[in-house]
Each structure stands twice: as structure tokens, then as C-alpha cells.
């Protein structure tokens, strides 16, 4: 019934993206699908849905997708360590945590995403990457591209144009990779630079690399050309017709239960709460009147919540009861600027009506919020 619903709910776009009548039949072979959505949470949810529902013994699947500006971290990564969260909020760039491992990547419409679905037995990421390289060479024979032992694709032997991650289930598996066509490199480098000092974590760190867009090498290349070239190569290797089927990741009749998967990927508990335990030990240099005051802050954060909080302030700078109340309120709360702002606003209401104290209190709270 699910396969029949999929078949009934697909629609046509252009010649290359016109599905055959039996496209979602149970016949063996390969399928090529492309998302019509640019929403990172919806597209990651499609990966989960296919992994959980499709019979990959009968059909291998290539999923093509692109996202609006977003940063995607690996399953076991720390977002505070991997990116500039303050800048993401300012630029309204989404942050997502995927279910596969690997490092952090920046997505926009100039970045292509490819997901190869197979059974676990047939999983072979090197072969998938060689397929991508072969497609690139078929499109532009002059390109110097090759796959490394780290499962990256390099351009001109030094510039990374593709990174890899994977999820291996009990019987199913998927390998996904990126391909830089014409991404905004300035935004990429800015958001993937953490400003946080004194952060210690056992989370999986990303490995920095020089990157380059294929567009910089050949301005005639477009994302659409690359997608079609890869789809053509995949079709040839799997001996199927070169058809790309468009799917709508928000369609419950197409993908029953997809909405719940999408919602879960957007929750604070998943994006931030799944972060491995970490510690922040830093000094706040607070400019106050004509001097600079130092406040030492030490926090243990577990599941995205402050487990232990210590703030060492200059003696007599704030009444002990105010400082103690702040530490008490922060302990157990989310390591989150919005929640901390709400907490300190509430505490300000009970602060003694003294302009000097209010100024000092506000300065401390503002600096604590900036930490997050």
C-alpha cells in the first residue's frame, strides 16, 4: 500500500523528471528521487523515512536534495564547538543535527546533497564517491577530481568539494555526501568558526579543510547540471532509465508518519539536548565604567542543560545573595540564551532598587547570555 501511495502521489516536472508508470513497483533495480523542498529538517526526515520503511533488498535508492542556508552537525557533535550560534541566529540560518556521524557542513542552494541507500551488505561508500567522480569527469573531462582515503573528493589535489557521512542500521544503510557547486564560501567560513573559548568536550570534532566551488573552476557548471550528470551515471550503473522522480517531503499520503520525524528533528532536545557532556571554563572581561572586571565562569553542561555552575566575581562587586540566586537559577536550566534571558529578567524584578546594582547585575547577565 505504501508503494502504491508513493506512485499515486508523484508528479511530473520535465522530461528527465517524468516517472514511469511502474516507478514505485516492487521490481528489483534502482530508484532516483529528488526533493522539491529546500527545508533541511524535511529532507533529513526523508532519509530517516526511507531507511526505516523501504525494502532496500529490492530497490537501491539515490536521493537528491538541496537546502536553504543551514548548518548540519553530525550525530555526536557539539554545536557550540562546531559553529557560531550567535551568527546563525542573526542570519536566520537553521541548525540541524543529522542521525549519521561525521563532521559539520554548511548547506545552501549552491551545495548538492546525495544520499545512497542500500542494504548494509551492499554498503560501499568508496564506490558511491567514484560514481560521483565519474559523473563529473563525464560532464567536464578536464576536471582534476579524485577520492581520498578519508572518503573526501578533492579538486586539484587540495580543495575539498565533498565530505561524507553514513548511518549503518541492522539491515539497511545510507551514505550521504555533499558537493560544492556554488555555495557562499564567505558565509560558510564565518558560520563554521566557533567563537567559544575554554570549551572542553569529547564530542566528535570536525576536521578543517580548504574548500572550493566547482563553479570557481568552471563558471558554466550549475547545480542542475551536476544533479542530472550524477543521476545519469547512477542510472547507467544500475541499468535503469534516466528518470528523476520528484517527491514532496511534507506529503503524509506519500510518506506516512513523515511529519513526526520532521518535528522531532526540529526540537531543542534533539538539536542541542543530544550534545555530549562538555565543560566551559572561561574568563568574562567586563568593561564597567573606566575599568575592566574579570569574572571566572565554570560550567558543566549535560544533555544541553547546566549541571554545575560556578561564577567567581570580584569581592563585594555584587551582594552574595544576588550572585547565589543567579547560580541557583542557572543550575538545571538549558544552556540557551533565550531561557537565560527569561531567568535574568525575572531575577531583575527582585533586585534591590539601586541604579548601581542594576547596572552591575545587567552587565553580568548580558555577558552570561553571550556565552551561549
Protein backbone atom coordinates (compact mmCIF):
# COMPACT_ATOMS: atom_id res chain seq x y z
CA UNK A 1 0.00 0.00 0.00
CA UNK A 2 2.84 2.42 0.82
CA UNK A 3 4.48 1.84 -2.56
CA UNK A 4 1.17 2.36 -4.34
CA UNK A 5 0.59 5.62 -2.44
CA UNK A 6 4.05 6.80 -3.44
CA UNK A 7 3.30 6.03 -7.06
CA UNK A 8 -0.04 7.86 -6.94
CA UNK A 9 1.32 10.99 -5.28
CA UNK A 10 4.30 11.73 -7.53
CA UNK A 11 4.05 14.43 -10.15
CA UNK A 12 5.89 15.47 -13.29
CA UNK A 13 8.27 18.36 -13.86
CA UNK A 14 10.33 17.95 -17.02
CA UNK A 15 11.47 15.21 -19.36
CA UNK A 16 14.25 13.93 -17.13
CA UNK A 17 11.95 14.06 -14.13
CA UNK A 18 8.99 12.15 -15.54
CA UNK A 19 8.43 8.89 -13.65
CA UNK A 20 7.47 5.71 -15.47
CA UNK A 21 4.08 4.24 -14.67
CA UNK A 22 5.63 1.38 -12.70
CA UNK A 23 8.27 3.52 -10.96
CA UNK A 24 7.40 2.50 -7.40
CA UNK A 25 6.60 -1.12 -8.22
CA UNK A 26 8.27 -3.92 -6.31
CA UNK A 27 10.51 -4.83 -9.25
CA UNK A 28 14.21 -5.01 -8.49
CA UNK A 29 16.50 -2.19 -9.56
CA UNK A 30 17.37 1.33 -8.59
CA UNK A 31 15.33 4.47 -7.95
CA UNK A 32 16.33 8.12 -8.30
CA UNK A 33 14.26 10.61 -6.31
CA UNK A 34 14.62 14.33 -5.71
CA UNK A 35 13.05 16.51 -3.04
CA UNK A 36 11.04 19.55 -4.09
CA UNK A 37 11.67 21.03 -0.62
CA UNK A 38 14.66 23.11 0.44
CA UNK A 39 13.91 22.64 4.15
CA UNK A 40 16.76 20.86 5.93
CA UNK A 41 14.53 19.19 8.53
CA UNK A 42 12.14 17.81 5.92
CA UNK A 43 14.96 16.44 3.79
CA UNK A 44 16.73 14.80 6.73
CA UNK A 45 13.38 13.29 7.70
CA UNK A 46 13.07 11.75 4.21
CA UNK A 47 16.40 9.99 4.81
CA UNK A 48 15.08 8.54 8.05
CA UNK A 49 11.79 7.51 6.43
CA UNK A 50 13.44 5.68 3.54
CA UNK A 51 15.90 3.98 5.89
CA UNK A 52 13.05 2.79 8.14
CA UNK A 53 10.40 1.88 5.54
CA UNK A 54 11.80 0.92 2.14
CA UNK A 55 12.77 -2.62 1.13
CA UNK A 56 16.35 -2.00 0.07
CA UNK A 57 16.83 -5.65 -0.84
CA UNK A 58 14.62 -4.99 -3.87
CA UNK A 59 15.46 -1.38 -4.72
CA UNK A 60 18.57 0.70 -4.16
CA UNK A 61 17.79 4.42 -3.99
CA UNK A 62 19.63 7.64 -4.82
CA UNK A 63 18.10 10.65 -3.07
CA UNK A 64 18.98 14.13 -4.39
CA UNK A 65 18.30 17.23 -2.27
CA UNK A 66 19.31 20.82 -1.63
CA UNK A 67 18.72 23.05 1.38
CA UNK A 68 18.24 26.72 2.06
CA UNK A 69 21.04 28.18 4.25
CA UNK A 70 21.59 25.80 7.16
CA UNK A 71 24.33 24.18 9.22
CA UNK A 72 24.13 20.44 9.78
CA UNK A 73 26.13 18.79 12.56
CA UNK A 74 26.90 15.12 12.99
CA UNK A 75 25.05 12.85 15.42
CA UNK A 76 27.77 13.05 18.09
CA UNK A 77 28.88 16.67 17.72
CA UNK A 78 28.74 19.77 19.90
CA UNK A 79 27.11 22.79 18.16
CA UNK A 80 28.83 25.29 20.47
CA UNK A 81 32.17 23.77 19.44
CA UNK A 82 31.36 23.50 15.74
CA UNK A 83 29.78 26.79 14.73
CA UNK A 84 28.99 30.39 15.58
CA UNK A 85 25.49 30.04 17.02
CA UNK A 86 25.10 33.77 17.56
CA UNK A 87 25.82 34.43 13.88
CA UNK A 88 23.40 31.67 12.84
CA UNK A 89 20.65 33.38 14.83
CA UNK A 90 21.49 36.79 13.37
CA UNK A 91 21.40 35.47 9.80
CA UNK A 92 18.38 33.24 10.42
CA UNK A 93 20.35 30.16 9.35
CA UNK A 94 18.88 26.90 10.58
CA UNK A 95 20.86 24.44 12.69
CA UNK A 96 20.13 20.72 12.35
CA UNK A 97 21.57 17.53 13.81
CA UNK A 98 21.52 14.54 11.49
CA UNK A 99 21.39 10.87 12.54
CA UNK A 100 24.67 9.96 10.85
CA UNK A 101 28.15 10.60 12.21
CA UNK A 102 30.82 12.74 10.58
CA UNK A 103 31.56 16.44 10.67
CA UNK A 104 29.71 19.72 10.34
CA UNK A 105 28.72 21.12 6.94
CA UNK A 106 27.20 24.33 5.66
CA UNK A 107 24.34 23.99 3.18
CA UNK A 108 22.76 26.45 0.78
CA UNK A 109 21.28 26.14 -2.69
CA UNK A 110 24.79 26.05 -4.17
CA UNK A 111 25.50 22.83 -2.28
CA UNK A 112 24.18 19.49 -3.54
CA UNK A 113 23.34 16.59 -1.24
CA UNK A 114 23.37 12.97 -2.38
CA UNK A 115 22.18 10.00 -0.32
CA UNK A 116 22.84 6.42 -1.44
CA UNK A 117 20.55 3.84 0.16
CA UNK A 118 21.42 0.13 0.13
CA UNK A 119 21.27 -2.90 2.35
CA UNK A 120 24.06 -2.99 4.91
CA UNK A 121 25.68 -5.86 2.99
CA UNK A 122 25.88 -3.79 -0.20
CA UNK A 123 27.03 -0.58 1.52
CA UNK A 124 30.17 0.77 -0.19
CA UNK A 125 30.90 4.47 0.15
CA UNK A 126 34.06 4.38 -1.98
CA UNK A 127 32.09 3.06 -4.96
CA UNK A 128 29.50 5.80 -4.48
CA UNK A 129 32.15 8.51 -4.48
CA UNK A 130 33.82 7.02 -7.55
CA UNK A 131 30.42 7.22 -9.24
CA UNK A 132 30.26 10.95 -8.44
CA UNK A 133 33.78 11.49 -9.78
CA UNK A 134 32.94 9.56 -12.93
CA UNK A 135 29.87 11.75 -13.45
CA UNK A 136 31.95 14.91 -13.02
CA UNK A 137 34.56 13.68 -15.49
CA UNK A 138 31.85 12.77 -18.00
CA UNK A 139 30.47 16.30 -17.70
CA UNK A 140 33.85 18.08 -17.71
CA UNK A 141 36.75 15.75 -18.65
CA UNK A 142 39.32 18.42 -17.77
CA UNK A 143 38.38 18.45 -14.07
CA UNK A 144 41.08 17.11 -11.74
CA UNK A 145 38.94 15.34 -9.13
CA UNK A 146 39.67 12.23 -7.07
CA UNK A 147 38.54 10.39 -3.95
CA UNK A 148 40.83 10.28 -0.90
CA UNK A 149 41.29 7.55 1.70
CA UNK A 150 39.22 9.73 4.07
CA UNK A 151 36.30 9.49 1.64
CA UNK A 152 36.52 13.13 0.59
CA UNK A 153 36.51 14.32 -3.01
CA UNK A 154 39.31 16.77 -3.80
CA UNK A 155 39.58 19.25 -6.64
CA UNK A 156 43.08 19.96 -7.97
CA UNK A 157 44.54 17.67 -5.29
CA UNK A 158 43.98 20.17 -2.46
CA UNK A 159 40.48 21.63 -2.33
CA UNK A 160 37.70 19.68 -0.67
CA UNK A 161 34.47 19.73 -2.68
CA UNK A 162 32.72 16.83 -0.96
CA UNK A 163 32.53 15.37 2.55
CA UNK A 164 30.98 12.09 3.63
CA UNK A 165 28.90 10.66 6.48
CA UNK A 166 26.89 7.48 6.92
CA UNK A 167 24.40 5.58 9.04
CA UNK A 168 24.59 1.81 9.30
CA UNK A 169 21.44 0.12 10.55
CA UNK A 170 20.91 -3.54 11.34
CA UNK A 171 19.93 -4.39 7.75
CA UNK A 172 19.79 -1.03 5.95
CA UNK A 173 22.38 1.65 5.43
CA UNK A 174 22.84 5.00 3.80
CA UNK A 175 25.84 7.05 2.79
CA UNK A 176 25.41 10.74 2.09
CA UNK A 177 27.82 13.29 0.74
CA UNK A 178 27.87 16.92 -0.28
CA UNK A 179 29.09 18.53 -3.48
CA UNK A 180 30.10 22.20 -3.57
CA UNK A 181 28.92 23.81 -6.77
CA UNK A 182 28.38 27.49 -5.99
CA UNK A 183 27.95 27.80 -2.21
CA UNK A 184 28.54 31.10 -0.40
CA UNK A 185 32.08 30.50 0.87
CA UNK A 186 32.15 33.68 2.95
CA UNK A 187 29.10 32.61 4.94
CA UNK A 188 30.42 29.04 5.08
CA UNK A 189 33.72 30.08 6.65
CA UNK A 190 32.02 32.57 9.01
CA UNK A 191 29.39 30.27 10.50
CA UNK A 192 31.70 27.26 10.81
CA UNK A 193 34.07 29.16 13.12
CA UNK A 194 33.26 28.77 16.80
CA UNK A 195 33.86 31.88 18.96
CA UNK A 196 33.59 29.91 22.20
CA UNK A 197 36.71 29.89 24.38
CA UNK A 198 37.61 27.38 27.06
CA UNK A 199 35.24 24.68 25.84
CA UNK A 200 36.27 21.09 26.55
CA UNK A 201 34.30 18.22 25.05
CA UNK A 202 34.61 14.60 23.99
CA UNK A 203 32.28 15.26 21.06
CA UNK A 204 33.48 14.35 17.57
CA UNK A 205 35.36 17.39 16.18
CA UNK A 206 35.25 18.43 12.55
CA UNK A 207 38.49 18.44 10.56
CA UNK A 208 39.08 21.84 8.88
CA UNK A 209 39.89 21.79 5.17
CA UNK A 210 40.45 24.12 2.24
CA UNK A 211 37.29 24.22 0.14
CA UNK A 212 36.48 25.37 -3.36
CA UNK A 213 33.37 25.55 -5.52
CA UNK A 214 33.28 23.71 -8.83
CA UNK A 215 31.82 26.94 -10.23
CA UNK A 216 35.15 28.65 -9.49
CA UNK A 217 36.89 26.12 -11.74
CA UNK A 218 34.24 26.20 -14.45
CA UNK A 219 31.61 29.01 -14.27
CA UNK A 220 29.43 27.20 -16.81
CA UNK A 221 28.60 24.49 -14.26
CA UNK A 222 25.27 24.67 -12.42
CA UNK A 223 23.76 22.61 -9.63
CA UNK A 224 21.10 21.32 -12.01
CA UNK A 225 23.75 20.10 -14.47
CA UNK A 226 25.61 18.29 -11.71
CA UNK A 227 22.46 16.65 -10.34
CA UNK A 228 21.49 15.39 -13.77
CA UNK A 229 25.00 14.12 -14.54
CA UNK A 230 25.10 12.14 -11.29
CA UNK A 231 21.60 10.78 -11.87
CA UNK A 232 22.60 9.71 -15.38
CA UNK A 233 25.69 7.89 -14.11
CA UNK A 234 23.67 6.20 -11.35
CA UNK A 235 21.05 5.10 -13.87
CA UNK A 236 23.73 3.68 -16.14
CA UNK A 237 25.42 1.72 -13.38
CA UNK A 238 22.11 0.28 -12.14
CA UNK A 239 20.79 -0.33 -15.66
CA UNK A 240 17.65 1.74 -15.15
CA UNK A 241 16.07 4.52 -17.19
CA UNK A 242 17.36 8.02 -16.51
CA UNK A 243 14.31 9.33 -14.67
CA UNK A 244 14.28 11.51 -11.60
CA UNK A 245 11.09 11.33 -9.55
CA UNK A 246 10.16 14.44 -7.56
CA UNK A 247 8.73 13.94 -4.09
CA UNK A 248 7.18 16.30 -1.56
CA UNK A 249 8.60 15.57 1.92
CA UNK A 250 5.59 17.22 3.58
CA UNK A 251 3.06 14.85 1.99
CA UNK A 252 1.73 12.38 4.57
CA UNK A 253 -0.02 10.32 1.89
CA UNK A 254 3.33 9.88 0.16
CA UNK A 255 5.37 9.24 3.31
CA UNK A 256 3.11 8.23 6.23
CA UNK A 257 4.48 9.47 9.55
CA UNK A 258 6.97 11.89 7.96
CA UNK A 259 5.59 14.92 9.86
CA UNK A 260 6.51 13.43 13.22
CA UNK A 261 10.03 12.69 12.01
CA UNK A 262 10.40 16.27 10.77
CA UNK A 263 9.10 17.74 14.04
CA UNK A 264 11.48 15.64 16.13
CA UNK A 265 14.49 16.88 14.14
CA UNK A 266 13.49 20.49 14.92
CA UNK A 267 13.20 20.11 18.69
CA UNK A 268 15.66 21.70 21.09
CA UNK A 269 16.01 18.31 22.77
CA UNK A 270 17.35 16.77 19.54
CA UNK A 271 19.42 19.64 18.11
CA UNK A 272 21.03 20.73 21.41
CA UNK A 273 19.98 18.19 24.03
CA UNK A 274 21.80 15.32 22.27
CA UNK A 275 25.14 17.10 22.69
CA UNK A 276 27.71 15.00 24.60
CA UNK A 277 28.61 16.39 28.03
CA UNK A 278 31.02 19.32 27.93
CA UNK A 279 32.67 21.92 30.15
CA UNK A 280 33.19 25.64 29.71
CA UNK A 281 35.87 27.39 31.70
CA UNK A 282 36.40 30.98 30.66
CA UNK A 283 37.01 34.48 31.90
CA UNK A 284 34.48 37.23 31.24
CA UNK A 285 36.26 40.56 30.64
CA UNK A 286 33.52 43.04 31.50
CA UNK A 287 34.05 46.72 30.71
CA UNK A 288 32.47 48.73 33.53
CA UNK A 289 32.81 52.50 33.73
CA UNK A 290 36.55 53.15 33.45
CA UNK A 291 37.79 49.69 34.30
CA UNK A 292 37.68 46.08 33.13
CA UNK A 293 36.45 43.47 35.57
CA UNK A 294 37.23 39.78 35.28
CA UNK A 295 34.71 37.11 36.22
CA UNK A 296 35.72 33.47 36.05
CA UNK A 297 32.95 31.16 34.87
CA UNK A 298 32.99 27.37 35.04
CA UNK A 299 30.08 25.22 33.86
CA UNK A 300 29.39 21.56 33.25
CA UNK A 301 26.70 21.04 30.63
CA UNK A 302 24.94 17.70 30.16
CA UNK A 303 22.16 17.00 27.64
CA UNK A 304 22.27 20.71 26.84
CA UNK A 305 21.46 21.70 30.44
CA UNK A 306 23.70 23.37 33.01
CA UNK A 307 24.59 20.70 35.56
CA UNK A 308 27.18 22.64 37.57
CA UNK A 309 27.65 26.42 37.59
CA UNK A 310 30.30 28.50 39.34
CA UNK A 311 30.88 32.24 38.86
CA UNK A 312 33.86 33.84 40.61
CA UNK A 313 33.22 37.58 40.89
CA UNK A 314 35.42 40.36 42.29
CA UNK A 315 34.82 40.64 46.04
CA UNK A 316 31.88 42.86 47.04
CA UNK A 317 31.01 43.64 43.41
CA UNK A 318 27.53 42.16 43.89
CA UNK A 319 25.70 41.18 47.08
CA UNK A 320 26.29 37.44 47.74
CA UNK A 321 22.55 36.73 47.77
CA UNK A 322 22.14 38.07 44.21
CA UNK A 323 25.06 36.07 42.90
CA UNK A 324 23.81 32.94 44.68
CA UNK A 325 20.33 33.38 43.22
CA UNK A 326 21.73 33.62 39.70
CA UNK A 327 23.81 30.44 40.12
CA UNK A 328 20.82 28.65 41.61
CA UNK A 329 18.55 29.68 38.73
CA UNK A 330 21.05 28.69 36.04
CA UNK A 331 21.69 25.24 37.51
CA UNK A 332 19.37 22.81 35.76
CA UNK A 333 18.32 25.29 33.06
CA UNK A 334 19.01 24.99 29.33
CA UNK A 335 22.36 26.32 28.12
CA UNK A 336 20.36 28.65 25.92
CA UNK A 337 20.29 32.46 25.54
CA UNK A 338 16.51 32.63 25.36
CA UNK A 339 15.95 30.68 28.57
CA UNK A 340 18.72 32.55 30.38
CA UNK A 341 17.26 35.89 29.27
CA UNK A 342 13.91 34.91 30.77
CA UNK A 343 15.59 33.82 34.01
CA UNK A 344 17.60 37.01 34.49
CA UNK A 345 14.62 39.22 33.59
CA UNK A 346 12.68 37.55 36.39
CA UNK A 347 15.56 37.99 38.81
CA UNK A 348 15.91 41.67 37.90
CA UNK A 349 12.42 42.29 39.28
CA UNK A 350 13.58 41.27 42.76
CA UNK A 351 16.90 43.10 42.54
CA UNK A 352 17.24 45.95 45.09
CA UNK A 353 16.14 49.30 43.66
CA UNK A 354 19.65 50.62 43.30
CA UNK A 355 20.92 52.00 39.97
CA UNK A 356 24.49 50.91 40.62
CA UNK A 357 23.44 47.34 41.47
CA UNK A 358 21.15 47.20 38.47
CA UNK A 359 23.96 48.26 36.14
CA UNK A 360 26.35 45.67 37.54
CA UNK A 361 23.71 42.94 37.53
CA UNK A 362 22.70 43.71 33.94
CA UNK A 363 26.32 43.68 32.79
CA UNK A 364 26.95 40.26 34.34
CA UNK A 365 23.75 38.81 32.88
CA UNK A 366 24.47 40.18 29.40
CA UNK A 367 27.89 38.53 29.43
CA UNK A 368 26.47 35.23 30.64
CA UNK A 369 23.93 35.26 27.81
CA UNK A 370 26.69 35.92 25.26
CA UNK A 371 28.39 32.74 26.41
CA UNK A 372 25.52 30.74 24.94
